[in-house]
PDB file of N, CA and C in Angstrom:
ATOM      1  N   UNK A   1       0.830  -1.169   0.000  1.00  0.00           N
ATOM      2  CA  UNK A   1       0.000   0.000   0.000  1.00  0.00           C
ATOM      3  C   UNK A   1       0.886   1.248   0.000  1.00  0.00           C
ATOM      4  N   UNK A   2       0.540   2.223  -0.837  1.00  0.00           N
ATOM      5  CA  UNK A   2       1.288   3.468  -0.932  1.00  0.00           C
ATOM      6  C   UNK A   2       0.804   4.466   0.114  1.00  0.00           C
ATOM      7  N   UNK A   3       1.729   5.299   0.530  1.00  0.00           N
ATOM      8  CA  UNK A   3       1.383   6.348   1.479  1.00  0.00           C
ATOM      9  C   UNK A   3       0.662   7.470   0.752  1.00  0.00           C
ATOM     10  N   UNK A   4      -0.490   7.884   1.238  1.00  0.00           N
ATOM     11  CA  UNK A   4      -1.323   8.908   0.608  1.00  0.00           C
ATOM     12  C   UNK A   4      -1.283  10.207   1.421  1.00  0.00           C
ATOM     13  N   UNK A   5      -0.112  10.658   1.781  1.00  0.00           N
ATOM     14  CA  UNK A   5       0.043  11.882   2.567  1.00  0.00           C
ATOM     15  C   UNK A   5      -0.188  13.121   1.716  1.00  0.00           C
ATOM     16  N   UNK A   6       0.030  14.264   2.310  1.00  0.00           N
ATOM     17  CA  UNK A   6      -0.171  15.503   1.561  1.00  0.00           C
ATOM     18  C   UNK A   6       0.824  15.610   0.405  1.00  0.00           C
ATOM     19  N   UNK A   7       0.390  16.240  -0.630  1.00  0.00           N
ATOM     20  CA  UNK A   7       1.229  16.408  -1.807  1.00  0.00           C
ATOM     21  C   UNK A   7       2.372  17.372  -1.490  1.00  0.00           C
ATOM     22  N   UNK A   8       3.516  17.192  -2.135  1.00  0.00           N
ATOM     23  CA  UNK A   8       4.617  18.136  -1.914  1.00  0.00           C
ATOM     24  C   UNK A   8       4.210  19.524  -2.389  1.00  0.00           C
ATOM     25  N   UNK A   9       4.774  20.522  -1.770  1.00  0.00           N
ATOM     26  CA  UNK A   9       4.402  21.895  -2.101  1.00  0.00           C
ATOM     27  C   UNK A   9       5.629  22.682  -2.496  1.00  0.00           C
ATOM     28  N   UNK A  10       5.422  23.738  -3.247  1.00  0.00           N
ATOM     29  CA  UNK A  10       6.522  24.644  -3.539  1.00  0.00           C
ATOM     30  C   UNK A  10       6.404  25.879  -2.653  1.00  0.00           C
ATOM     31  N   UNK A  11       5.183  26.357  -2.441  1.00  0.00           N
ATOM     32  CA  UNK A  11       4.962  27.456  -1.510  1.00  0.00           C
ATOM     33  C   UNK A  11       3.505  27.467  -1.098  1.00  0.00           C
ATOM     34  N   UNK A  12       3.241  27.919   0.109  1.00  0.00           N
ATOM     35  CA  UNK A  12       1.867  28.120   0.540  1.00  0.00           C
ATOM     36  C   UNK A  12       1.817  29.282   1.512  1.00  0.00           C
ATOM     37  N   UNK A  13       0.628  29.813   1.695  1.00  0.00           N
ATOM     38  CA  UNK A  13       0.401  30.996   2.514  1.00  0.00           C
ATOM     39  C   UNK A  13      -0.246  30.574   3.823  1.00  0.00           C
ATOM     40  N   UNK A  14       0.369  30.991   4.934  1.00  0.00           N
ATOM     41  CA  UNK A  14      -0.180  30.687   6.241  1.00  0.00           C
ATOM     42  C   UNK A  14      -0.047  31.923   7.113  1.00  0.00           C
ATOM     43  N   UNK A  15      -1.171  32.469   7.557  1.00  0.00           N
ATOM     44  CA  UNK A  15      -1.212  33.670   8.391  1.00  0.00           C
ATOM     45  C   UNK A  15      -0.503  34.855   7.750  1.00  0.00           C
ATOM     46  N   UNK A  16      -0.596  34.949   6.440  1.00  0.00           N
ATOM     47  CA  UNK A  16      -0.008  36.075   5.730  1.00  0.00           C
ATOM     48  C   UNK A  16       1.463  35.929   5.430  1.00  0.00           C
ATOM     49  N   UNK A  17       2.037  34.759   5.672  1.00  0.00           N
ATOM     50  CA  UNK A  17       3.459  34.527   5.419  1.00  0.00           C
ATOM     51  C   UNK A  17       3.584  33.411   4.387  1.00  0.00           C
ATOM     52  N   UNK A  18       4.372  33.675   3.350  1.00  0.00           N
ATOM     53  CA  UNK A  18       4.625  32.653   2.344  1.00  0.00           C
ATOM     54  C   UNK A  18       5.735  31.738   2.838  1.00  0.00           C
ATOM     55  N   UNK A  19       5.459  30.439   2.830  1.00  0.00           N
ATOM     56  CA  UNK A  19       6.424  29.439   3.260  1.00  0.00           C
ATOM     57  C   UNK A  19       6.736  28.561   2.057  1.00  0.00           C
ATOM     58  N   UNK A  20       8.016  28.419   1.755  1.00  0.00           N
ATOM     59  CA  UNK A  20       8.426  27.604   0.615  1.00  0.00           C
ATOM     60  C   UNK A  20       9.025  26.297   1.105  1.00  0.00           C
ATOM     61  N   UNK A  21       9.228  25.367   0.171  1.00  0.00           N
ATOM     62  CA  UNK A  21       9.773  24.075   0.556  1.00  0.00           C
ATOM     63  C   UNK A  21      11.236  24.141   0.990  1.00  0.00           C
ATOM     64  N   UNK A  22      11.981  25.169   0.558  1.00  0.00           N
ATOM     65  CA  UNK A  22      13.360  25.296   0.993  1.00  0.00           C
ATOM     66  C   UNK A  22      13.505  26.237   2.203  1.00  0.00           C
ATOM     67  N   UNK A  23      12.393  26.781   2.701  1.00  0.00           N
ATOM     68  CA  UNK A  23      12.323  27.642   3.888  1.00  0.00           C
ATOM     69  C   UNK A  23      13.118  28.940   3.765  1.00  0.00           C
ATOM     70  N   UNK A  24      13.375  29.387   2.558  1.00  0.00           N
ATOM     71  CA  UNK A  24      14.031  30.682   2.365  1.00  0.00           C
ATOM     72  C   UNK A  24      12.955  31.758   2.278  1.00  0.00           C
ATOM     73  N   UNK A  25      13.224  32.942   2.817  1.00  0.00           N
ATOM     74  CA  UNK A  25      12.199  33.991   2.858  1.00  0.00           C
ATOM     75  C   UNK A  25      12.119  34.837   1.590  1.00  0.00           C
ATOM     76  N   UNK A  26      12.662  34.389   0.487  1.00  0.00           N
ATOM     77  CA  UNK A  26      12.714  35.206  -0.727  1.00  0.00           C
ATOM     78  C   UNK A  26      11.328  35.577  -1.250  1.00  0.00           C
ATOM     79  N   UNK A  27      10.403  34.638  -1.261  1.00  0.00           N
ATOM     80  CA  UNK A  27       9.054  34.915  -1.756  1.00  0.00           C
ATOM     81  C   UNK A  27       8.363  35.932  -0.852  1.00  0.00           C
ATOM     82  N   UNK A  28       8.501  35.764   0.458  1.00  0.00           N
ATOM     83  CA  UNK A  28       7.886  36.700   1.400  1.00  0.00           C
ATOM     84  C   UNK A  28       8.475  38.095   1.241  1.00  0.00           C
ATOM     85  N   UNK A  29       9.790  38.203   1.079  1.00  0.00           N
ATOM     86  CA  UNK A  29      10.429  39.509   0.905  1.00  0.00           C
ATOM     87  C   UNK A  29       9.959  40.179  -0.379  1.00  0.00           C
ATOM     88  N   UNK A  30       9.857  39.412  -1.443  1.00  0.00           N
ATOM     89  CA  UNK A  30       9.414  39.961  -2.724  1.00  0.00           C
ATOM     90  C   UNK A  30       7.973  40.450  -2.646  1.00  0.00           C
ATOM     91  N   UNK A  31       7.106  39.647  -2.040  1.00  0.00           N
ATOM     92  CA  UNK A  31       5.696  40.032  -1.914  1.00  0.00           C
ATOM     93  C   UNK A  31       5.534  41.248  -1.005  1.00  0.00           C
ATOM     94  N   UNK A  32       6.251  41.282   0.111  1.00  0.00           N
ATOM     95  CA  UNK A  32       6.151  42.415   1.033  1.00  0.00           C
ATOM     96  C   UNK A  32       6.670  43.690   0.385  1.00  0.00           C
ATOM     97  N   UNK A  33       7.782  43.591  -0.342  1.00  0.00           N
ATOM     98  CA  UNK A  33       8.338  44.760  -1.017  1.00  0.00           C
ATOM     99  C   UNK A  33       7.408  45.251  -2.123  1.00  0.00           C
ATOM    100  N   UNK A  34       6.802  44.334  -2.864  1.00  0.00           N
ATOM    101  CA  UNK A  34       5.876  44.725  -3.927  1.00  0.00           C
ATOM    102  C   UNK A  34       4.658  45.452  -3.356  1.00  0.00           C
ATOM    103  N   UNK A  35       4.126  44.949  -2.256  1.00  0.00           N
ATOM    104  CA  UNK A  35       2.976  45.595  -1.624  1.00  0.00           C
ATOM    105  C   UNK A  35       3.350  46.975  -1.097  1.00  0.00           C
ATOM    106  N   UNK A  36       4.518  47.083  -0.477  1.00  0.00           N
ATOM    107  CA  UNK A  36       4.956  48.371   0.052  1.00  0.00           C
ATOM    108  C   UNK A  36       5.232  49.365  -1.080  1.00  0.00           C
ATOM    109  N   UNK A  37       5.818  48.880  -2.196  1.00  0.00           N
ATOM    110  CA  UNK A  37       6.042  49.759  -3.351  1.00  0.00           C
ATOM    111  C   UNK A  37       4.719  50.256  -3.923  1.00  0.00           C
ATOM    112  N   UNK A  38       3.708  49.397  -3.967  1.00  0.00           N
ATOM    113  CA  UNK A  38       2.422  49.826  -4.514  1.00  0.00           C
ATOM    114  C   UNK A  38       1.764  50.870  -3.610  1.00  0.00           C
ATOM    115  N   UNK A  39       1.888  50.709  -2.318  1.00  0.00           N
ATOM    116  CA  UNK A  39       1.321  51.703  -1.402  1.00  0.00           C
ATOM    117  C   UNK A  39       2.104  53.008  -1.485  1.00  0.00           C
ATOM    118  N   UNK A  40       3.418  52.915  -1.634  1.00  0.00           N
ATOM    119  CA  UNK A  40       4.227  54.121  -1.805  1.00  0.00           C
ATOM    120  C   UNK A  40       3.836  54.856  -3.075  1.00  0.00           C
ATOM    121  N   UNK A  41       3.563  54.124  -4.145  1.00  0.00           N
ATOM    122  CA  UNK A  41       3.085  54.754  -5.378  1.00  0.00           C
ATOM    123  C   UNK A  41       1.743  55.423  -5.187  1.00  0.00           C
ATOM    124  N   UNK A  42       0.858  54.796  -4.425  1.00  0.00           N
ATOM    125  CA  UNK A  42      -0.441  55.405  -4.147  1.00  0.00           C
ATOM    126  C   UNK A  42      -0.267  56.701  -3.351  1.00  0.00           C
ATOM    127  N   UNK A  43       0.649  56.697  -2.398  1.00  0.00           N
ATOM    128  CA  UNK A  43       0.908  57.907  -1.607  1.00  0.00           C
ATOM    129  C   UNK A  43       1.459  59.001  -2.501  1.00  0.00           C
ATOM    130  N   UNK A  44       2.374  58.651  -3.396  1.00  0.00           N
ATOM    131  CA  UNK A  44       2.933  59.655  -4.311  1.00  0.00           C
ATOM    132  C   UNK A  44       1.856  60.253  -5.225  1.00  0.00           C
ATOM    133  N   UNK A  45       0.946  59.414  -5.698  1.00  0.00           N
ATOM    134  CA  UNK A  45      -0.086  59.910  -6.596  1.00  0.00           C
ATOM    135  C   UNK A  45      -1.102  60.804  -5.894  1.00  0.00           C
ATOM    136  N   UNK A  46      -1.441  60.467  -4.660  1.00  0.00           N
ATOM    137  CA  UNK A  46      -2.526  61.166  -3.990  1.00  0.00           C
ATOM    138  C   UNK A  46      -2.091  62.335  -3.112  1.00  0.00           C
ATOM    139  N   UNK A  47      -0.852  62.344  -2.705  1.00  0.00           N
ATOM    140  CA  UNK A  47      -0.344  63.445  -1.887  1.00  0.00           C
ATOM    141  C   UNK A  47       0.797  64.094  -2.644  1.00  0.00           C
ATOM    142  N   UNK A  48       0.510  65.174  -3.325  1.00  0.00           N
ATOM    143  CA  UNK A  48       1.520  65.822  -4.153  1.00  0.00           C
ATOM    144  C   UNK A  48       2.527  66.609  -3.325  1.00  0.00           C
ATOM    145  N   UNK A  49       2.065  67.277  -2.294  1.00  0.00           N
ATOM    146  CA  UNK A  49       2.964  68.107  -1.494  1.00  0.00           C
ATOM    147  C   UNK A  49       2.882  67.692  -0.043  1.00  0.00           C
ATOM    148  N   UNK A  50       3.947  67.116   0.425  1.00  0.00           N
ATOM    149  CA  UNK A  50       4.044  66.714   1.825  1.00  0.00           C
ATOM    150  C   UNK A  50       5.347  67.235   2.400  1.00  0.00           C
ATOM    151  N   UNK A  51       5.292  67.725   3.613  1.00  0.00           N
ATOM    152  CA  UNK A  51       6.554  68.041   4.258  1.00  0.00           C
ATOM    153  C   UNK A  51       7.097  66.759   4.899  1.00  0.00           C
ATOM    154  N   UNK A  52       8.276  66.834   5.451  1.00  0.00           N
ATOM    155  CA  UNK A  52       8.952  65.639   5.943  1.00  0.00           C
ATOM    156  C   UNK A  52       8.186  64.971   7.085  1.00  0.00           C
ATOM    157  N   UNK A  53       7.612  65.750   7.978  1.00  0.00           N
ATOM    158  CA  UNK A  53       6.893  65.170   9.121  1.00  0.00           C
ATOM    159  C   UNK A  53       5.626  64.441   8.677  1.00  0.00           C
ATOM    160  N   UNK A  54       4.896  65.030   7.734  1.00  0.00           N
ATOM    161  CA  UNK A  54       3.683  64.379   7.240  1.00  0.00           C
ATOM    162  C   UNK A  54       4.012  63.091   6.483  1.00  0.00           C
ATOM    163  N   UNK A  55       5.065  63.140   5.659  1.00  0.00           N
ATOM    164  CA  UNK A  55       5.457  61.944   4.928  1.00  0.00           C
ATOM    165  C   UNK A  55       5.921  60.855   5.889  1.00  0.00           C
ATOM    166  N   UNK A  56       6.624  61.240   6.929  1.00  0.00           N
ATOM    167  CA  UNK A  56       7.075  60.269   7.915  1.00  0.00           C
ATOM    168  C   UNK A  56       5.901  59.599   8.611  1.00  0.00           C
ATOM    169  N   UNK A  57       4.878  60.368   8.928  1.00  0.00           N
ATOM    170  CA  UNK A  57       3.681  59.805   9.542  1.00  0.00           C
ATOM    171  C   UNK A  57       2.993  58.813   8.605  1.00  0.00           C
ATOM    172  N   UNK A  58       2.863  59.172   7.334  1.00  0.00           N
ATOM    173  CA  UNK A  58       2.240  58.280   6.352  1.00  0.00           C
ATOM    174  C   UNK A  58       3.090  57.040   6.141  1.00  0.00           C
ATOM    175  N   UNK A  59       4.412  57.204   6.090  1.00  0.00           N
ATOM    176  CA  UNK A  59       5.306  56.059   5.910  1.00  0.00           C
ATOM    177  C   UNK A  59       5.184  55.082   7.071  1.00  0.00           C
ATOM    178  N   UNK A  60       5.205  55.601   8.285  1.00  0.00           N
ATOM    179  CA  UNK A  60       5.128  54.728   9.456  1.00  0.00           C
ATOM    180  C   UNK A  60       3.755  54.074   9.602  1.00  0.00           C
ATOM    181  N   UNK A  61       2.721  54.724   9.087  1.00  0.00           N
ATOM    182  CA  UNK A  61       1.373  54.198   9.233  1.00  0.00           C
ATOM    183  C   UNK A  61       0.998  53.202   8.147  1.00  0.00           C
ATOM    184  N   UNK A  62       1.352  53.482   6.895  1.00  0.00           N
ATOM    185  CA  UNK A  62       0.855  52.671   5.784  1.00  0.00           C
ATOM    186  C   UNK A  62       1.891  51.766   5.117  1.00  0.00           C
ATOM    187  N   UNK A  63       3.152  52.166   5.102  1.00  0.00           N
ATOM    188  CA  UNK A  63       4.155  51.426   4.339  1.00  0.00           C
ATOM    189  C   UNK A  63       4.970  50.498   5.230  1.00  0.00           C
ATOM    190  N   UNK A  64       5.477  51.017   6.317  1.00  0.00           N
ATOM    191  CA  UNK A  64       6.356  50.240   7.191  1.00  0.00           C
ATOM    192  C   UNK A  64       5.716  48.974   7.777  1.00  0.00           C
ATOM    193  N   UNK A  65       4.431  48.970   8.130  1.00  0.00           N
ATOM    194  CA  UNK A  65       3.850  47.725   8.649  1.00  0.00           C
ATOM    195  C   UNK A  65       3.915  46.552   7.655  1.00  0.00           C
ATOM    196  N   UNK A  66       3.866  46.830   6.367  1.00  0.00           N
ATOM    197  CA  UNK A  66       3.968  45.756   5.384  1.00  0.00           C
ATOM    198  C   UNK A  66       5.371  45.160   5.353  1.00  0.00           C
ATOM    199  N   UNK A  67       6.366  45.979   5.648  1.00  0.00           N
ATOM    200  CA  UNK A  67       7.736  45.482   5.675  1.00  0.00           C
ATOM    201  C   UNK A  67       8.051  44.741   6.968  1.00  0.00           C
ATOM    202  N   UNK A  68       7.361  45.077   8.042  1.00  0.00           N
ATOM    203  CA  UNK A  68       7.678  44.521   9.353  1.00  0.00           C
ATOM    204  C   UNK A  68       6.714  43.431   9.818  1.00  0.00           C
ATOM    205  N   UNK A  69       5.718  43.080   9.027  1.00  0.00           N
ATOM    206  CA  UNK A  69       4.730  42.096   9.463  1.00  0.00           C
ATOM    207  C   UNK A  69       5.393  40.743   9.679  1.00  0.00           C
ATOM    208  N   UNK A  70       5.343  40.242  10.891  1.00  0.00           N
ATOM    209  CA  UNK A  70       5.908  38.936  11.285  1.00  0.00           C
ATOM    210  C   UNK A  70       7.370  38.784  10.884  1.00  0.00           C
ATOM    211  N   UNK A  71       8.124  39.848  10.982  1.00  0.00           N
ATOM    212  CA  UNK A  71       9.532  39.809  10.585  1.00  0.00           C
ATOM    213  C   UNK A  71      10.317  38.792  11.415  1.00  0.00           C
ATOM    214  N   UNK A  72       9.857  38.512  12.633  1.00  0.00           N
ATOM    215  CA  UNK A  72      10.565  37.557  13.480  1.00  0.00           C
ATOM    216  C   UNK A  72      10.501  36.143  12.903  1.00  0.00           C
ATOM    217  N   UNK A  73       9.431  35.823  12.210  1.00  0.00           N
ATOM    218  CA  UNK A  73       9.290  34.457  11.705  1.00  0.00           C
ATOM    219  C   UNK A  73       9.972  34.248  10.357  1.00  0.00           C
ATOM    220  N   UNK A  74      10.041  35.276   9.508  1.00  0.00           N
ATOM    221  CA  UNK A  74      10.665  35.071   8.206  1.00  0.00           C
ATOM    222  C   UNK A  74      11.973  35.809   8.054  1.00  0.00           C
ATOM    223  N   UNK A  75      12.470  36.415   9.071  1.00  0.00           N
ATOM    224  CA  UNK A  75      13.750  37.097   9.199  1.00  0.00           C
ATOM    225  C   UNK A  75      14.681  36.953   7.982  1.00  0.00           C
ATOM    226  N   UNK A  76      14.766  37.975   7.134  1.00  0.00           N
ATOM    227  CA  UNK A  76      15.597  37.864   5.931  1.00  0.00           C
ATOM    228  C   UNK A  76      17.080  37.826   6.284  1.00  0.00           C
ATOM    229  N   UNK A  77      17.790  36.846   5.760  1.00  0.00           N
ATOM    230  CA  UNK A  77      19.214  36.730   6.029  1.00  0.00           C
ATOM    231  C   UNK A  77      20.043  36.746   4.754  1.00  0.00           C
ATOM    232  N   UNK A  78      19.421  36.554   3.605  1.00  0.00           N
ATOM    233  CA  UNK A  78      20.142  36.627   2.342  1.00  0.00           C
ATOM    234  C   UNK A  78      20.285  38.083   1.917  1.00  0.00           C
ATOM    235  N   UNK A  79      21.416  38.426   1.311  1.00  0.00           N
ATOM    236  CA  UNK A  79      21.678  39.804   0.923  1.00  0.00           C
ATOM    237  C   UNK A  79      20.657  40.293  -0.107  1.00  0.00           C
ATOM    238  N   UNK A  80      20.216  39.424  -1.008  1.00  0.00           N
ATOM    239  CA  UNK A  80      19.237  39.850  -2.018  1.00  0.00           C
ATOM    240  C   UNK A  80      17.890  40.174  -1.375  1.00  0.00           C
ATOM    241  N   UNK A  81      17.521  39.463  -0.317  1.00  0.00           N
ATOM    242  CA  UNK A  81      16.264  39.744   0.373  1.00  0.00           C
ATOM    243  C   UNK A  81      16.345  41.044   1.157  1.00  0.00           C
ATOM    244  N   UNK A  82      17.475  41.271   1.791  1.00  0.00           N
ATOM    245  CA  UNK A  82      17.660  42.512   2.544  1.00  0.00           C
ATOM    246  C   UNK A  82      17.657  43.703   1.599  1.00  0.00           C
ATOM    247  N   UNK A  83      18.336  43.590   0.462  1.00  0.00           N
ATOM    248  CA  UNK A  83      18.362  44.706  -0.488  1.00  0.00           C
ATOM    249  C   UNK A  83      16.990  44.918  -1.125  1.00  0.00           C
ATOM    250  N   UNK A  84      16.197  43.859  -1.256  1.00  0.00           N
ATOM    251  CA  UNK A  84      14.835  43.984  -1.776  1.00  0.00           C
ATOM    252  C   UNK A  84      13.979  44.841  -0.842  1.00  0.00           C
ATOM    253  N   UNK A  85      14.087  44.585   0.454  1.00  0.00           N
ATOM    254  CA  UNK A  85      13.329  45.369   1.424  1.00  0.00           C
ATOM    255  C   UNK A  85      13.887  46.789   1.557  1.00  0.00           C
ATOM    256  N   UNK A  86      15.199  46.923   1.459  1.00  0.00           N
ATOM    257  CA  UNK A  86      15.794  48.253   1.559  1.00  0.00           C
ATOM    258  C   UNK A  86      15.481  49.116   0.347  1.00  0.00           C
ATOM    259  N   UNK A  87      15.141  48.495  -0.773  1.00  0.00           N
ATOM    260  CA  UNK A  87      14.790  49.285  -1.956  1.00  0.00           C
ATOM    261  C   UNK A  87      13.520  50.105  -1.703  1.00  0.00           C
ATOM    262  N   UNK A  88      12.607  49.559  -0.904  1.00  0.00           N
ATOM    263  CA  UNK A  88      11.399  50.313  -0.546  1.00  0.00           C
ATOM    264  C   UNK A  88      11.785  51.504   0.333  1.00  0.00           C
ATOM    265  N   UNK A  89      12.696  51.289   1.260  1.00  0.00           N
ATOM    266  CA  UNK A  89      13.118  52.373   2.135  1.00  0.00           C
ATOM    267  C   UNK A  89      13.863  53.450   1.353  1.00  0.00           C
ATOM    268  N   UNK A  90      14.683  53.050   0.377  1.00  0.00           N
ATOM    269  CA  UNK A  90      15.370  54.034  -0.468  1.00  0.00           C
ATOM    270  C   UNK A  90      14.365  54.837  -1.278  1.00  0.00           C
ATOM    271  N   UNK A  91      13.369  54.155  -1.838  1.00  0.00           N
ATOM    272  CA  UNK A  91      12.349  54.850  -2.627  1.00  0.00           C
ATOM    273  C   UNK A  91      11.541  55.805  -1.751  1.00  0.00           C
ATOM    274  N   UNK A  92      11.269  55.408  -0.518  1.00  0.00           N
ATOM    275  CA  UNK A  92      10.532  56.282   0.387  1.00  0.00           C
ATOM    276  C   UNK A  92      11.369  57.491   0.766  1.00  0.00           C
ATOM    277  N   UNK A  93      12.664  57.300   0.935  1.00  0.00           N
ATOM    278  CA  UNK A  93      13.539  58.425   1.243  1.00  0.00           C
ATOM    279  C   UNK A  93      13.580  59.408   0.087  1.00  0.00           C
ATOM    280  N   UNK A  94      13.623  58.879  -1.120  1.00  0.00           N
ATOM    281  CA  UNK A  94      13.646  59.755  -2.289  1.00  0.00           C
ATOM    282  C   UNK A  94      12.294  60.413  -2.528  1.00  0.00           C
ATOM    283  N   UNK A  95      11.232  59.809  -2.051  1.00  0.00           N
ATOM    284  CA  UNK A  95       9.900  60.380  -2.252  1.00  0.00           C
ATOM    285  C   UNK A  95       9.670  61.599  -1.369  1.00  0.00           C
ATOM    286  N   UNK A  96      10.370  61.651  -0.270  1.00  0.00           N
ATOM    287  CA  UNK A  96      10.229  62.802   0.607  1.00  0.00           C
ATOM    288  C   UNK A  96      10.797  64.025  -0.116  1.00  0.00           C
ATOM    289  N   UNK A  97      10.037  65.056  -0.209  1.00  0.00           N
ATOM    290  CA  UNK A  97      10.442  66.242  -0.974  1.00  0.00           C
ATOM    291  C   UNK A  97      11.608  66.990  -0.341  1.00  0.00           C
ATOM    292  N   UNK A  98      11.776  66.880   0.956  1.00  0.00           N
ATOM    293  CA  UNK A  98      12.823  67.640   1.632  1.00  0.00           C
ATOM    294  C   UNK A  98      14.139  66.895   1.728  1.00  0.00           C
ATOM    295  N   UNK A  99      14.213  65.682   1.232  1.00  0.00           N
ATOM    296  CA  UNK A  99      15.444  64.913   1.303  1.00  0.00           C
ATOM    297  C   UNK A  99      16.102  64.906  -0.065  1.00  0.00           C
ATOM    298  N   UNK A 100      17.265  65.514  -0.194  1.00  0.00           N
ATOM    299  CA  UNK A 100      17.959  65.502  -1.491  1.00  0.00           C
ATOM    300  C   UNK A 100      18.372  64.089  -1.867  1.00  0.00           C
ATOM    301  N   UNK A 101      18.397  63.808  -3.157  1.00  0.00           N
ATOM    302  CA  UNK A 101      18.666  62.449  -3.613  1.00  0.00           C
ATOM    303  C   UNK A 101      20.097  62.028  -3.351  1.00  0.00           C
ATOM    304  N   UNK A 102      21.048  62.924  -3.400  1.00  0.00           N
ATOM    305  CA  UNK A 102      22.446  62.539  -3.237  1.00  0.00           C
ATOM    306  C   UNK A 102      22.831  62.303  -1.788  1.00  0.00           C
ATOM    307  N   UNK A 103      22.026  62.718  -0.863  1.00  0.00           N
ATOM    308  CA  UNK A 103      22.365  62.598   0.539  1.00  0.00           C
ATOM    309  C   UNK A 103      21.621  61.445   1.202  1.00  0.00           C
ATOM    310  N   UNK A 104      21.310  60.407   0.444  1.00  0.00           N
ATOM    311  CA  UNK A 104      20.503  59.300   0.975  1.00  0.00           C
ATOM    312  C   UNK A 104      21.164  58.628   2.166  1.00  0.00           C
ATOM    313  N   UNK A 105      22.400  58.197   2.001  1.00  0.00           N
ATOM    314  CA  UNK A 105      23.025  57.412   3.057  1.00  0.00           C
ATOM    315  C   UNK A 105      23.310  58.247   4.297  1.00  0.00           C
ATOM    316  N   UNK A 106      23.592  59.522   4.123  1.00  0.00           N
ATOM    317  CA  UNK A 106      23.815  60.375   5.285  1.00  0.00           C
ATOM    318  C   UNK A 106      22.509  60.629   6.019  1.00  0.00           C
ATOM    319  N   UNK A 107      21.424  60.814   5.299  1.00  0.00           N
ATOM    320  CA  UNK A 107      20.122  61.077   5.930  1.00  0.00           C
ATOM    321  C   UNK A 107      19.506  59.831   6.515  1.00  0.00           C
ATOM    322  N   UNK A 108      19.894  58.662   6.026  1.00  0.00           N
ATOM    323  CA  UNK A 108      19.270  57.431   6.491  1.00  0.00           C
ATOM    324  C   UNK A 108      19.533  57.207   7.975  1.00  0.00           C
ATOM    325  N   UNK A 109      20.675  57.649   8.456  1.00  0.00           N
ATOM    326  CA  UNK A 109      21.005  57.450   9.848  1.00  0.00           C
ATOM    327  C   UNK A 109      20.411  58.497  10.770  1.00  0.00           C
ATOM    328  N   UNK A 110      19.666  59.438  10.231  1.00  0.00           N
ATOM    329  CA  UNK A 110      19.105  60.488  11.077  1.00  0.00           C
ATOM    330  C   UNK A 110      18.002  59.936  11.967  1.00  0.00           C
ATOM    331  N   UNK A 111      17.622  60.708  12.938  1.00  0.00           N
ATOM    332  CA  UNK A 111      16.647  60.263  13.925  1.00  0.00           C
ATOM    333  C   UNK A 111      15.234  60.172  13.360  1.00  0.00           C
ATOM    334  N   UNK A 112      14.976  60.759  12.191  1.00  0.00           N
ATOM    335  CA  UNK A 112      13.617  60.759  11.635  1.00  0.00           C
ATOM    336  C   UNK A 112      13.124  59.368  11.306  1.00  0.00           C
ATOM    337  N   UNK A 113      13.999  58.486  10.860  1.00  0.00           N
ATOM    338  CA  UNK A 113      13.557  57.197  10.334  1.00  0.00           C
ATOM    339  C   UNK A 113      13.633  56.072  11.335  1.00  0.00           C
ATOM    340  N   UNK A 114      14.038  56.359  12.541  1.00  0.00           N
ATOM    341  CA  UNK A 114      14.159  55.283  13.535  1.00  0.00           C
ATOM    342  C   UNK A 114      12.888  55.093  14.291  1.00  0.00           C
TER     343      UNK A 114
END
């Protein structure tokens, strides 16, 4: 008699987290970054003029939770996953009207984003 257990999977969604058969968080990082990028685009389209404090409030309220949801369980450790998530943060920094584009790395360490 053959074993009729569950079929092998490549990925499935459980409590909002994508789990793959190799247990790497790449799919979760890609999906979280895509969702955060889409919300950042919506913010750019609907709020034409924001000062730094207002943009920071919107970023912390609408964008950052998508990047931090259950981060303890899927904790990105691969460099490509970390850079995928940081690309959203770079785009958000550039979206702020008061932050010059060339001063990204110097401004990133400021107290505004912590």
